[in-house]
Amino acid sequence: LLLDTGVDSEAARKLAELAKVTDLPASRLAVGLDYTRLQLGRIVAEWRLAEENRRVQAGVRERARELADHVAAMDITGRLAFLKDEGEVIAAIEEMFHMLFAPKDFHYLRFEGGQAQSAGRLPTELSRQVDALERDWTWTDSGTGFLLRIRRGDETLAVIIADRLAFPNYRDRYLNLALSVAGVCGLAIENARTYRRIKATEEALRKSEFSLKIAQSIAHLGHWEWDVATGEMKWSDETYRILGYEPQIMLPSHNSFLEVIHPDDREKVASLFGQPQKGSGFDIEFRIILPDGKLRVVHGMGTVLLDGPDPQPKLIGTLQDVTAPEPTEVLGVIQDITERKELELKLAREAHTDALTGCANRRHFLELAQQELARIRRYGGKLSVLALDLDHFKLVNDRHGHHVGDLALKTLVGVCRDTLREEDVVGRLGGEEFCVLLPETGHETAIEVAERLRRAVADADVYVNGKPLVRFTTSIGVSTATTMDLNIDRLLDRADQALYEAKDAGRNRVVAAP
């Protein structure tokens, strides 16, 4: 029997040897220092628990930071679509990159017409990398940052360099986030340049229109048009001034024009308009009577045109007070606003749409979800949401490249649209995370929909150059609105928690929140 105080570390071995020599059974009994031993055991246990909690909290913080990065990126890219000045767009892009990645070195190279417009004081090694850049991105030579090409179609609009990132160990995640916003950045730059060209055109047209009015006023020369088929007549401002009337007092018409002509000249002027034929014209002087009774002599010239699919004659002419100074040259203008209208429609569409996949972006999805939740709380009904996350998405990017990863995200959205109803809403919350809004759908039905969607995703192929290259799966969390859901965040949180349970259980499965 060994009474072990715990002081001699060799005690157990010595007891075993003694028992073997004496061929007697041996046992140990710890005496003394028990309190110390227990305290040390408690400290070790607490330390292990604290380490485990630290690892868990670190994972939670990392997840929260990643979500915050995506939210920040979506907020700024949503604002980008509404900026009309390219300088403001560039400033917003720089603000976003500094906020998300905290690079110590940031450079923005503007390209237009295939040429760099402002390289600034770019270090030689970075300038060399820009010249050698053949794809959409590459790592900097230091390995602590990246070069990112911003383009629309085949045209390069800019190259962004973010180097010496504050946390270079996150560079892969940072690059994925930067690539996800590159399309919106390109659209914002293109929109700003289109808007600049439109404003320049509008300003040129405004100046031309003003010059036309000034020229007409100086020459005291007015013009008019008469559509013979409809009877509609148009007078320019100078025509009104020559005739001595204000636009709000006299409406332009053939009869009102003849009424201001002196009775002795009225018949010969009317005869010119009697049987208009294409190519015919007139050149005549006649008298008019002003509202105050004064007589003026005017010189009229005009020609006849045939207009429209069923040609009808139209008379276009000028009216000049011959007592005025000798006329100068007169120019006409016309404005095509098609491009501006298309830009307005594009901006409205892009403000609500994820640039890569074409589904609802984060902000628009949350707005629709909150509206639907408010509706069922007021009028009754059912509402469920699905939280989706691509399984092992990073492996797809690592093995096949980010281009295939983007195709996988587009394929997922396409499968959702083919599988779900027209009234269901698919939204991209960030990265490979998606949510589906299921109006008028109860808990059990939502689970069935999620299972059907999961199987459809697993059976879908990602095609590259017309050939199937890879398949992927998705984990889905399901939650259904309750009377306790005062806002959409609670509903999404439960779906998100169910999604993580699905991943922890092995992925490629559906888990419903209680």
Protein backbone atom coordinates (compact mmCIF):
# COMPACT_ATOMS: atom_id res chain seq x y z
CA LEU A 1 0.00 0.00 0.00
CA LEU A 2 1.50 3.38 -1.06
CA LEU A 3 0.31 6.55 0.57
CA ASP A 4 0.98 8.98 -2.31
CA THR A 5 1.32 12.68 -1.45
CA GLY A 6 1.84 13.51 -5.10
CA VAL A 7 5.33 14.86 -4.44
CA ASP A 8 7.37 11.98 -5.91
CA SER A 9 6.56 11.63 -9.59
CA GLU A 10 8.25 8.16 -9.63
CA ALA A 11 6.06 6.77 -6.83
CA ALA A 12 3.70 4.84 -9.08
CA ARG A 13 6.57 3.12 -10.96
CA LYS A 14 8.39 2.21 -7.74
CA LEU A 15 5.21 0.70 -6.26
CA ALA A 16 4.68 -1.41 -9.38
CA GLU A 17 8.26 -2.73 -9.21
CA LEU A 18 7.88 -3.57 -5.48
CA ALA A 19 4.64 -5.43 -6.12
CA LYS A 20 6.32 -7.46 -8.84
CA VAL A 21 9.27 -8.43 -6.61
CA THR A 22 7.08 -9.37 -3.61
CA ASP A 23 4.36 -10.88 -5.74
CA LEU A 24 1.81 -8.97 -3.69
CA PRO A 25 -1.11 -6.81 -4.88
CA ALA A 26 -0.46 -3.07 -4.73
CA SER A 27 -2.72 -0.03 -4.56
CA ARG A 28 -2.31 3.76 -4.21
CA LEU A 29 -4.14 6.16 -1.96
CA ALA A 30 -3.64 9.90 -2.46
CA VAL A 31 -3.11 11.77 0.80
CA GLY A 32 -2.23 15.41 1.42
CA LEU A 33 -2.17 18.18 -1.14
CA ASP A 34 -5.73 17.15 -2.15
CA TYR A 35 -6.94 20.73 -1.99
CA THR A 36 -4.09 21.88 -4.25
CA ARG A 37 -4.75 19.06 -6.66
CA LEU A 38 -8.47 19.86 -6.83
CA GLN A 39 -7.79 23.57 -7.32
CA LEU A 40 -5.36 22.88 -10.15
CA GLY A 41 -7.91 20.56 -11.77
CA ARG A 42 -10.58 23.25 -11.53
CA ILE A 43 -8.24 25.86 -13.05
CA VAL A 44 -7.38 23.54 -15.94
CA ALA A 45 -11.07 22.77 -16.56
CA GLU A 46 -11.95 26.47 -16.50
CA TRP A 47 -9.11 27.25 -18.87
CA ARG A 48 -10.25 24.57 -21.30
CA LEU A 49 -13.83 25.90 -21.14
CA ALA A 50 -12.62 29.45 -21.71
CA GLU A 51 -10.54 28.34 -24.71
CA GLU A 52 -13.53 26.56 -26.20
CA ASN A 53 -15.72 29.63 -25.67
CA ARG A 54 -13.05 31.82 -27.24
CA ARG A 55 -12.93 29.62 -30.33
CA VAL A 56 -16.72 29.66 -30.60
CA GLN A 57 -16.90 33.42 -30.13
CA ALA A 58 -14.12 33.94 -32.65
CA GLY A 59 -16.14 31.96 -35.19
CA VAL A 60 -19.26 34.00 -34.40
CA ARG A 61 -17.34 37.26 -34.72
CA GLU A 62 -15.80 36.10 -37.98
CA ARG A 63 -19.25 35.22 -39.34
CA ALA A 64 -20.67 38.54 -38.14
CA ARG A 65 -17.81 40.43 -39.73
CA GLU A 66 -18.30 38.65 -43.05
CA LEU A 67 -22.03 39.43 -42.97
CA ALA A 68 -21.28 43.05 -42.06
CA ASP A 69 -18.89 43.29 -45.00
CA HIS A 70 -21.56 42.02 -47.39
CA VAL A 71 -24.22 44.34 -45.92
CA ALA A 72 -21.88 47.33 -46.23
CA ALA A 73 -20.99 46.39 -49.79
CA MET A 74 -24.65 45.99 -50.77
CA ASP A 75 -25.57 49.34 -49.19
CA ILE A 76 -22.86 51.22 -51.07
CA THR A 77 -23.45 49.43 -54.38
CA GLY A 78 -27.15 50.26 -54.02
CA ARG A 79 -26.17 53.93 -53.68
CA LEU A 80 -23.72 53.70 -56.59
CA ALA A 81 -26.49 53.08 -59.11
CA PHE A 82 -28.00 56.52 -58.39
CA LEU A 83 -24.83 58.61 -58.69
CA LYS A 84 -24.63 60.63 -61.90
CA ASP A 85 -21.18 62.20 -61.56
CA GLU A 86 -18.19 59.96 -62.30
CA GLY A 87 -16.10 61.73 -59.65
CA GLU A 88 -18.74 60.85 -57.04
CA VAL A 89 -18.81 57.25 -58.29
CA ILE A 90 -15.02 56.93 -57.96
CA ALA A 91 -15.11 58.47 -54.47
CA ALA A 92 -17.83 56.02 -53.39
CA ILE A 93 -15.86 53.04 -54.79
CA GLU A 94 -12.72 54.16 -52.92
CA GLU A 95 -14.76 54.61 -49.72
CA MET A 96 -16.18 51.10 -50.10
CA PHE A 97 -12.78 49.46 -50.68
CA HIS A 98 -11.21 51.27 -47.71
CA MET A 99 -14.13 50.35 -45.47
CA LEU A 100 -14.21 46.68 -46.48
CA PHE A 101 -10.54 45.82 -46.95
CA ALA A 102 -8.55 48.63 -45.23
CA PRO A 103 -5.70 48.63 -47.81
CA LYS A 104 -2.71 50.78 -47.00
CA ASP A 105 -2.19 51.30 -50.74
CA PHE A 106 -5.19 52.11 -52.98
CA HIS A 107 -5.00 53.19 -56.62
CA TYR A 108 -7.78 53.85 -59.14
CA LEU A 109 -6.78 53.93 -62.82
CA ARG A 110 -9.45 55.41 -65.08
CA PHE A 111 -9.70 53.98 -68.62
CA GLU A 112 -11.66 55.45 -71.52
CA GLY A 113 -11.32 54.57 -75.16
CA GLY A 114 -8.97 51.73 -74.22
CA GLN A 115 -6.37 54.06 -72.70
CA ALA A 116 -5.48 54.85 -69.09
CA GLN A 117 -6.51 58.44 -68.40
CA SER A 118 -4.90 59.05 -65.00
CA ALA A 119 -2.13 56.75 -63.78
CA GLY A 120 -0.80 59.28 -61.23
CA ARG A 121 2.29 58.29 -59.28
CA LEU A 122 1.86 54.56 -59.62
CA PRO A 123 4.88 52.49 -58.47
CA THR A 124 6.79 50.92 -61.33
CA GLU A 125 6.06 47.32 -60.29
CA LEU A 126 2.30 48.02 -60.08
CA SER A 127 2.36 49.85 -63.42
CA ARG A 128 4.02 46.80 -64.95
CA GLN A 129 1.35 44.53 -63.49
CA VAL A 130 -1.43 46.74 -64.87
CA ASP A 131 0.10 46.55 -68.36
CA ALA A 132 0.36 42.74 -68.07
CA LEU A 133 -3.17 42.24 -66.68
CA GLU A 134 -5.03 39.91 -69.05
CA ARG A 135 -7.90 38.60 -66.91
CA ASP A 136 -10.28 40.25 -64.45
CA TRP A 137 -7.93 40.06 -61.45
CA THR A 138 -4.50 39.05 -60.21
CA TRP A 139 -2.58 39.13 -56.92
CA THR A 140 -0.07 41.92 -56.40
CA ASP A 141 3.60 40.91 -56.40
CA SER A 142 3.66 41.41 -52.61
CA GLY A 143 0.91 38.79 -52.23
CA THR A 144 -0.95 41.06 -49.79
CA GLY A 145 -3.46 42.54 -52.22
CA PHE A 146 -5.03 42.33 -55.66
CA LEU A 147 -5.59 44.13 -58.95
CA LEU A 148 -9.22 44.19 -60.11
CA ARG A 149 -10.43 45.07 -63.62
CA ILE A 150 -13.74 46.96 -63.80
CA ARG A 151 -15.40 46.52 -67.17
CA ARG A 152 -18.67 46.51 -69.09
CA GLY A 153 -18.72 43.95 -71.86
CA ASP A 154 -15.27 43.93 -73.47
CA GLU A 155 -14.46 47.52 -72.54
CA THR A 156 -12.15 48.19 -69.58
CA LEU A 157 -13.44 51.15 -67.56
CA ALA A 158 -10.95 51.10 -64.69
CA VAL A 159 -8.35 49.04 -62.83
CA ILE A 160 -8.42 49.10 -59.03
CA ILE A 161 -5.38 48.18 -56.94
CA ALA A 162 -5.88 47.33 -53.25
CA ASP A 163 -2.52 46.37 -51.71
CA ARG A 164 -1.08 45.79 -48.25
CA LEU A 165 -4.47 44.75 -46.86
CA ALA A 166 -4.86 45.17 -43.10
CA PHE A 167 -5.68 41.44 -42.80
CA PRO A 168 -3.91 39.70 -45.70
CA ASN A 169 -4.90 36.26 -44.33
CA TYR A 170 -8.44 37.11 -45.48
CA ARG A 171 -7.36 38.03 -49.00
CA ASP A 172 -9.33 35.19 -50.69
CA ARG A 173 -12.54 36.25 -49.00
CA TYR A 174 -11.81 39.90 -49.76
CA LEU A 175 -11.23 39.10 -53.43
CA ASN A 176 -14.52 37.18 -53.68
CA LEU A 177 -16.35 40.16 -52.18
CA ALA A 178 -14.58 42.60 -54.52
CA LEU A 179 -15.47 40.46 -57.56
CA SER A 180 -19.10 40.36 -56.46
CA VAL A 181 -19.37 44.16 -56.53
CA ALA A 182 -17.23 44.73 -59.64
CA GLY A 183 -20.22 44.45 -61.97
CA VAL A 184 -22.20 47.12 -60.13
CA CYS A 185 -19.12 49.37 -60.06
CA GLY A 186 -18.80 48.97 -63.84
CA LEU A 187 -22.48 49.76 -64.36
CA ALA A 188 -22.23 52.87 -62.15
CA ILE A 189 -19.18 54.15 -64.05
CA GLU A 190 -20.85 53.48 -67.41
CA ASN A 191 -24.06 55.19 -66.27
CA ALA A 192 -22.12 58.25 -65.05
CA ARG A 193 -20.29 58.53 -68.38
CA THR A 194 -23.54 58.07 -70.32
CA TYR A 195 -25.19 60.74 -68.19
CA ARG A 196 -22.21 63.06 -68.80
CA ARG A 197 -22.56 62.56 -72.58
CA ILE A 198 -26.32 63.12 -72.37
CA LYS A 199 -25.84 66.36 -70.41
CA ALA A 200 -23.24 67.54 -72.92
CA THR A 201 -25.65 66.81 -75.78
CA GLU A 202 -28.51 68.53 -73.96
CA GLU A 203 -26.34 71.58 -73.30
CA ALA A 204 -25.29 71.74 -76.94
CA LEU A 205 -28.93 71.44 -78.00
CA ARG A 206 -29.97 74.11 -75.50
CA LYS A 207 -27.36 76.48 -76.88
CA SER A 208 -28.39 75.68 -80.47
CA GLU A 209 -32.06 76.24 -79.62
CA PHE A 210 -31.24 79.53 -77.95
CA SER A 211 -29.11 80.55 -80.92
CA LEU A 212 -32.00 79.69 -83.26
CA LYS A 213 -34.38 81.92 -81.31
CA ILE A 214 -31.86 84.76 -81.23
CA ALA A 215 -31.24 84.40 -84.99
CA GLN A 216 -34.97 84.46 -85.71
CA SER A 217 -35.43 87.48 -83.49
CA ILE A 218 -32.54 89.40 -85.10
CA ALA A 219 -33.71 88.53 -88.61
CA HIS A 220 -37.35 89.13 -87.64
CA LEU A 221 -38.00 85.85 -89.42
CA GLY A 222 -40.63 83.38 -88.27
CA HIS A 223 -41.44 79.90 -89.54
CA TRP A 224 -44.63 77.88 -89.63
CA GLU A 225 -45.94 74.42 -90.56
CA TRP A 226 -49.38 73.38 -91.80
CA ASP A 227 -50.57 69.76 -91.97
CA VAL A 228 -53.18 69.84 -94.72
CA ALA A 229 -54.77 66.50 -93.73
CA THR A 230 -55.35 67.34 -90.05
CA GLY A 231 -55.54 71.10 -90.36
CA GLU A 232 -52.99 71.45 -87.56
CA MET A 233 -50.77 74.52 -87.82
CA LYS A 234 -47.68 75.52 -85.80
CA TRP A 235 -46.18 79.01 -85.47
CA SER A 236 -42.80 79.89 -84.03
CA ASP A 237 -42.47 82.60 -81.38
CA GLU A 238 -41.18 85.07 -83.98
CA THR A 239 -44.20 84.38 -86.22
CA TYR A 240 -46.45 85.43 -83.33
CA ARG A 241 -44.41 88.61 -82.86
CA ILE A 242 -44.59 89.49 -86.56
CA LEU A 243 -48.37 89.02 -86.57
CA GLY A 244 -48.66 91.03 -83.34
CA TYR A 245 -50.39 88.37 -81.21
CA GLU A 246 -49.54 86.47 -78.01
CA PRO A 247 -49.64 82.63 -78.14
CA GLN A 248 -52.28 82.45 -75.40
CA ILE A 249 -54.62 84.82 -77.28
CA MET A 250 -54.64 83.33 -80.79
CA LEU A 251 -54.48 79.64 -81.67
CA PRO A 252 -52.52 78.94 -84.87
CA SER A 253 -54.73 77.78 -87.75
CA HIS A 254 -55.17 78.30 -91.47
CA ASN A 255 -58.22 80.52 -90.96
CA SER A 256 -56.66 82.67 -88.24
CA PHE A 257 -53.64 83.17 -90.50
CA LEU A 258 -55.84 84.34 -93.39
CA GLU A 259 -57.79 86.67 -91.07
CA VAL A 260 -54.74 88.85 -90.32
CA ILE A 261 -54.02 89.31 -94.06
CA HIS A 262 -55.27 92.50 -95.68
CA PRO A 263 -58.58 91.78 -97.50
CA ASP A 264 -57.12 92.90 -100.82
CA ASP A 265 -54.27 90.35 -100.56
CA ARG A 266 -56.17 87.52 -98.88
CA GLU A 267 -57.42 85.79 -102.06
CA LYS A 268 -53.99 85.55 -103.72
CA VAL A 269 -52.44 84.10 -100.54
CA ALA A 270 -55.31 81.63 -100.08
CA SER A 271 -54.91 80.45 -103.68
CA LEU A 272 -51.33 79.37 -102.94
CA PHE A 273 -52.64 76.97 -100.29
CA GLY A 274 -55.58 75.69 -102.33
CA GLN A 275 -54.13 72.65 -104.13
CA PRO A 276 -50.72 71.90 -102.63
CA GLN A 277 -48.61 69.37 -104.53
CA LYS A 278 -45.23 67.85 -103.69
CA GLY A 279 -42.35 70.01 -104.82
CA SER A 280 -44.48 73.08 -105.33
CA GLY A 281 -43.66 76.24 -103.44
CA PHE A 282 -44.36 79.92 -103.21
CA ASP A 283 -42.57 83.24 -102.80
CA ILE A 284 -44.89 86.18 -102.19
CA GLU A 285 -45.22 89.55 -100.49
CA PHE A 286 -48.49 90.61 -98.88
CA ARG A 287 -49.86 92.97 -96.26
CA ILE A 288 -51.07 92.14 -92.78
CA ILE A 289 -53.15 94.13 -90.31
CA LEU A 290 -51.82 94.22 -86.74
CA PRO A 291 -54.23 94.21 -83.77
CA ASP A 292 -53.71 97.98 -83.35
CA GLY A 293 -54.75 98.54 -86.98
CA LYS A 294 -51.29 99.24 -88.40
CA LEU A 295 -50.31 97.76 -91.76
CA ARG A 296 -47.12 95.78 -92.26
CA VAL A 297 -45.66 94.27 -95.46
CA VAL A 298 -44.33 90.75 -95.06
CA HIS A 299 -42.46 88.34 -97.28
CA GLY A 300 -43.56 84.71 -97.24
CA MET A 301 -41.74 81.71 -98.69
CA GLY A 302 -42.58 78.01 -98.46
CA THR A 303 -42.58 74.54 -99.94
CA VAL A 304 -44.82 71.46 -99.94
CA LEU A 305 -43.72 68.08 -98.53
CA LEU A 306 -45.40 64.68 -98.51
CA ASP A 307 -45.10 63.03 -95.10
CA GLY A 308 -46.05 59.68 -93.51
CA PRO A 309 -46.78 56.14 -94.83
CA ASP A 310 -49.88 57.45 -96.60
CA PRO A 311 -48.30 60.65 -97.95
CA GLN A 312 -50.28 63.77 -97.15
CA PRO A 313 -49.16 67.25 -98.12
CA LYS A 314 -47.55 69.47 -95.49
CA LEU A 315 -46.62 73.10 -96.08
CA ILE A 316 -43.55 74.56 -94.41
CA GLY A 317 -42.86 78.24 -94.76
CA THR A 318 -41.22 81.35 -93.39
CA LEU A 319 -42.64 84.75 -92.65
CA GLN A 320 -40.43 87.85 -92.67
CA ASP A 321 -41.18 91.45 -91.96
CA VAL A 322 -39.42 93.04 -94.94
CA THR A 323 -39.05 96.32 -93.10
CA ALA A 324 -36.76 94.58 -90.61
CA PRO A 325 -32.96 94.31 -91.05
CA GLU A 326 -31.59 91.86 -93.58
CA PRO A 327 -31.96 88.29 -92.22
CA THR A 328 -29.14 86.00 -91.13
CA GLU A 329 -28.85 82.22 -91.48
CA VAL A 330 -31.39 80.14 -89.52
CA LEU A 331 -30.65 76.66 -88.16
CA GLY A 332 -33.02 73.98 -86.89
CA VAL A 333 -32.48 71.41 -84.11
CA ILE A 334 -34.00 68.13 -82.97
CA GLN A 335 -33.35 66.14 -79.81
CA ASP A 336 -33.36 62.34 -79.42
CA ILE A 337 -33.90 61.44 -75.74
CA THR A 338 -34.05 57.66 -76.27
CA GLU A 339 -30.69 57.08 -74.57
CA ARG A 340 -31.70 59.13 -71.55
CA LYS A 341 -34.95 57.20 -71.15
CA GLU A 342 -33.12 53.87 -71.44
CA LEU A 343 -30.65 55.02 -68.79
CA GLU A 344 -33.47 55.97 -66.41
CA LEU A 345 -35.07 52.53 -66.84
CA LYS A 346 -31.70 50.79 -66.36
CA LEU A 347 -30.98 52.71 -63.14
CA ALA A 348 -34.41 51.85 -61.72
CA ARG A 349 -33.92 48.16 -62.59
CA GLU A 350 -30.36 47.89 -61.28
CA ALA A 351 -31.32 49.53 -57.97
CA HIS A 352 -33.44 46.44 -57.16
CA THR A 353 -31.45 43.67 -58.87
CA ASP A 354 -28.36 41.65 -57.98
CA ALA A 355 -25.86 42.41 -60.77
CA LEU A 356 -24.54 38.84 -61.10
CA THR A 357 -27.62 36.60 -60.81
CA GLY A 358 -30.47 38.90 -61.76
CA CYS A 359 -32.53 38.08 -58.65
CA ALA A 360 -33.58 40.65 -56.03
CA ASN A 361 -30.69 42.28 -54.18
CA ARG A 362 -30.51 42.33 -50.37
CA ARG A 363 -32.19 45.69 -49.87
CA HIS A 364 -35.09 45.05 -52.26
CA PHE A 365 -35.67 41.52 -50.87
CA LEU A 366 -35.88 42.79 -47.28
CA GLU A 367 -38.29 45.54 -48.35
CA LEU A 368 -40.58 43.00 -50.08
CA ALA A 369 -40.35 40.60 -47.12
CA GLN A 370 -41.25 43.32 -44.60
CA GLN A 371 -44.19 44.42 -46.75
CA GLU A 372 -45.47 40.83 -46.98
CA LEU A 373 -45.10 40.33 -43.21
CA ALA A 374 -47.02 43.57 -42.54
CA ARG A 375 -49.75 42.43 -44.92
CA ILE A 376 -50.40 39.08 -43.20
CA ARG A 377 -50.29 40.70 -39.76
CA ARG A 378 -53.06 43.07 -40.85
CA TYR A 379 -55.19 40.88 -43.09
CA GLY A 380 -54.16 37.36 -42.02
CA GLY A 381 -52.53 34.61 -44.05
CA LYS A 382 -49.37 32.51 -44.08
CA LEU A 383 -45.76 33.32 -44.87
CA SER A 384 -42.59 31.21 -44.90
CA VAL A 385 -38.99 31.85 -45.87
CA LEU A 386 -36.16 29.58 -46.99
CA ALA A 387 -32.50 30.33 -46.23
CA LEU A 388 -30.15 28.70 -48.79
CA ASP A 389 -26.39 28.35 -48.81
CA LEU A 390 -24.30 26.53 -51.43
CA ASP A 391 -22.41 23.61 -49.88
CA HIS A 392 -18.59 23.74 -50.18
CA PHE A 393 -18.79 26.79 -52.44
CA LYS A 394 -15.17 27.69 -51.73
CA LEU A 395 -14.05 24.32 -53.16
CA VAL A 396 -15.89 25.09 -56.40
CA ASN A 397 -14.02 28.41 -56.66
CA ASP A 398 -10.67 26.86 -55.73
CA ARG A 399 -10.93 23.92 -58.13
CA HIS A 400 -12.58 25.56 -61.13
CA GLY A 401 -12.06 29.31 -60.70
CA HIS A 402 -14.33 32.20 -59.84
CA HIS A 403 -15.92 32.22 -63.28
CA VAL A 404 -17.37 28.74 -62.66
CA GLY A 405 -18.35 29.84 -59.15
CA ASP A 406 -20.34 32.72 -60.67
CA LEU A 407 -21.99 30.27 -63.08
CA ALA A 408 -22.94 28.08 -60.11
CA LEU A 409 -24.68 31.03 -58.43
CA LYS A 410 -26.53 31.84 -61.66
CA THR A 411 -27.52 28.18 -62.03
CA LEU A 412 -28.94 28.15 -58.49
CA VAL A 413 -31.12 31.18 -59.23
CA GLY A 414 -32.25 29.60 -62.50
CA VAL A 415 -33.25 26.38 -60.71
CA CYS A 416 -35.18 28.44 -58.12
CA ARG A 417 -37.12 30.24 -60.84
CA ASP A 418 -37.93 26.98 -62.65
CA THR A 419 -39.00 25.23 -59.43
CA LEU A 420 -40.85 27.96 -57.52
CA ARG A 421 -44.01 29.90 -58.25
CA GLU A 422 -44.06 33.21 -60.07
CA GLU A 423 -45.11 35.06 -56.90
CA ASP A 424 -42.22 33.61 -54.86
CA VAL A 425 -39.28 36.01 -54.48
CA VAL A 426 -35.62 34.92 -54.67
CA GLY A 427 -33.06 37.28 -53.12
CA ARG A 428 -29.27 37.25 -52.80
CA LEU A 429 -28.22 38.42 -49.34
CA GLY A 430 -24.49 38.20 -50.05
CA GLY A 431 -21.85 35.78 -51.37
CA GLU A 432 -23.41 32.34 -51.77
CA GLU A 433 -26.29 33.09 -49.35
CA PHE A 434 -29.83 33.34 -50.74
CA CYS A 435 -33.33 33.60 -49.31
CA VAL A 436 -36.70 32.71 -50.80
CA LEU A 437 -39.95 34.43 -49.79
CA LEU A 438 -42.98 32.11 -49.96
CA PRO A 439 -46.25 34.12 -49.65
CA GLU A 440 -49.38 32.25 -48.55
CA THR A 441 -47.33 29.16 -47.65
CA GLY A 442 -47.65 27.26 -44.35
CA HIS A 443 -44.97 25.34 -42.46
CA GLU A 444 -45.53 21.84 -43.88
CA THR A 445 -45.92 23.09 -47.45
CA ALA A 446 -42.75 25.17 -47.08
CA ILE A 447 -40.81 22.05 -46.04
CA GLU A 448 -42.12 20.20 -49.11
CA VAL A 449 -41.11 23.13 -51.34
CA ALA A 450 -37.63 23.19 -49.77
CA GLU A 451 -37.16 19.44 -50.35
CA ARG A 452 -38.26 19.77 -53.97
CA LEU A 453 -35.88 22.67 -54.44
CA ARG A 454 -32.99 20.80 -52.76
CA ARG A 455 -33.41 17.82 -55.10
CA ALA A 456 -33.64 20.08 -58.16
CA VAL A 457 -30.40 21.85 -57.22
CA ALA A 458 -28.59 18.53 -56.66
CA ASP A 459 -29.67 17.37 -60.14
CA ALA A 460 -28.61 20.58 -61.90
CA ASP A 461 -25.38 20.84 -63.92
CA VAL A 462 -23.19 23.92 -64.26
CA TYR A 463 -22.46 24.24 -67.98
CA VAL A 464 -19.22 25.73 -69.29
CA ASN A 465 -18.86 26.19 -73.06
CA GLY A 466 -22.01 24.14 -73.57
CA LYS A 467 -20.80 21.13 -71.54
CA PRO A 468 -21.73 20.08 -67.97
CA LEU A 469 -18.71 20.63 -65.73
CA VAL A 470 -19.73 20.42 -62.10
CA ARG A 471 -22.64 19.79 -59.77
CA PHE A 472 -23.29 21.23 -56.32
CA THR A 473 -25.76 20.89 -53.45
CA THR A 474 -27.46 23.28 -51.08
CA SER A 475 -28.49 23.26 -47.43
CA ILE A 476 -31.84 24.88 -46.63
CA GLY A 477 -33.33 26.29 -43.44
CA VAL A 478 -37.12 26.80 -43.21
CA SER A 479 -39.09 29.13 -40.93
CA THR A 480 -42.74 30.18 -40.89
CA ALA A 481 -44.10 33.49 -39.61
CA THR A 482 -45.77 33.54 -36.19
CA THR A 483 -47.62 36.19 -34.20
CA MET A 484 -44.36 36.92 -32.37
CA ASP A 485 -42.59 38.08 -35.54
CA LEU A 486 -42.79 41.86 -35.32
CA ASN A 487 -40.20 42.33 -38.06
CA ILE A 488 -38.61 40.24 -40.76
CA ASP A 489 -35.32 39.90 -38.85
CA ARG A 490 -36.78 37.35 -36.39
CA LEU A 491 -38.16 35.25 -39.22
CA LEU A 492 -34.85 35.31 -41.11
CA ASP A 493 -32.84 34.57 -37.95
CA ARG A 494 -34.82 31.36 -37.34
CA ALA A 495 -34.36 30.29 -40.97
CA ASP A 496 -30.65 31.07 -40.73
CA GLN A 497 -30.29 29.03 -37.51
CA ALA A 498 -32.05 26.09 -39.18
CA LEU A 499 -29.66 26.45 -42.13
CA TYR A 500 -26.63 26.11 -39.83
CA GLU A 501 -28.20 23.03 -38.25
CA ALA A 502 -28.57 21.55 -41.74
CA LYS A 503 -24.89 22.20 -42.43
CA ASP A 504 -23.80 20.75 -39.08
CA ALA A 505 -25.88 17.64 -39.80
CA GLY A 506 -23.95 16.91 -42.98
CA ARG A 507 -25.22 19.43 -45.60
CA ASN A 508 -27.48 18.78 -48.60
CA ARG A 509 -30.53 18.61 -46.39
CA VAL A 510 -33.52 20.63 -45.16
CA VAL A 511 -34.02 21.58 -41.51
CA ALA A 512 -37.13 23.42 -40.31
CA ALA A 513 -37.10 25.83 -37.40
CA PRO A 514 -39.54 24.90 -34.60
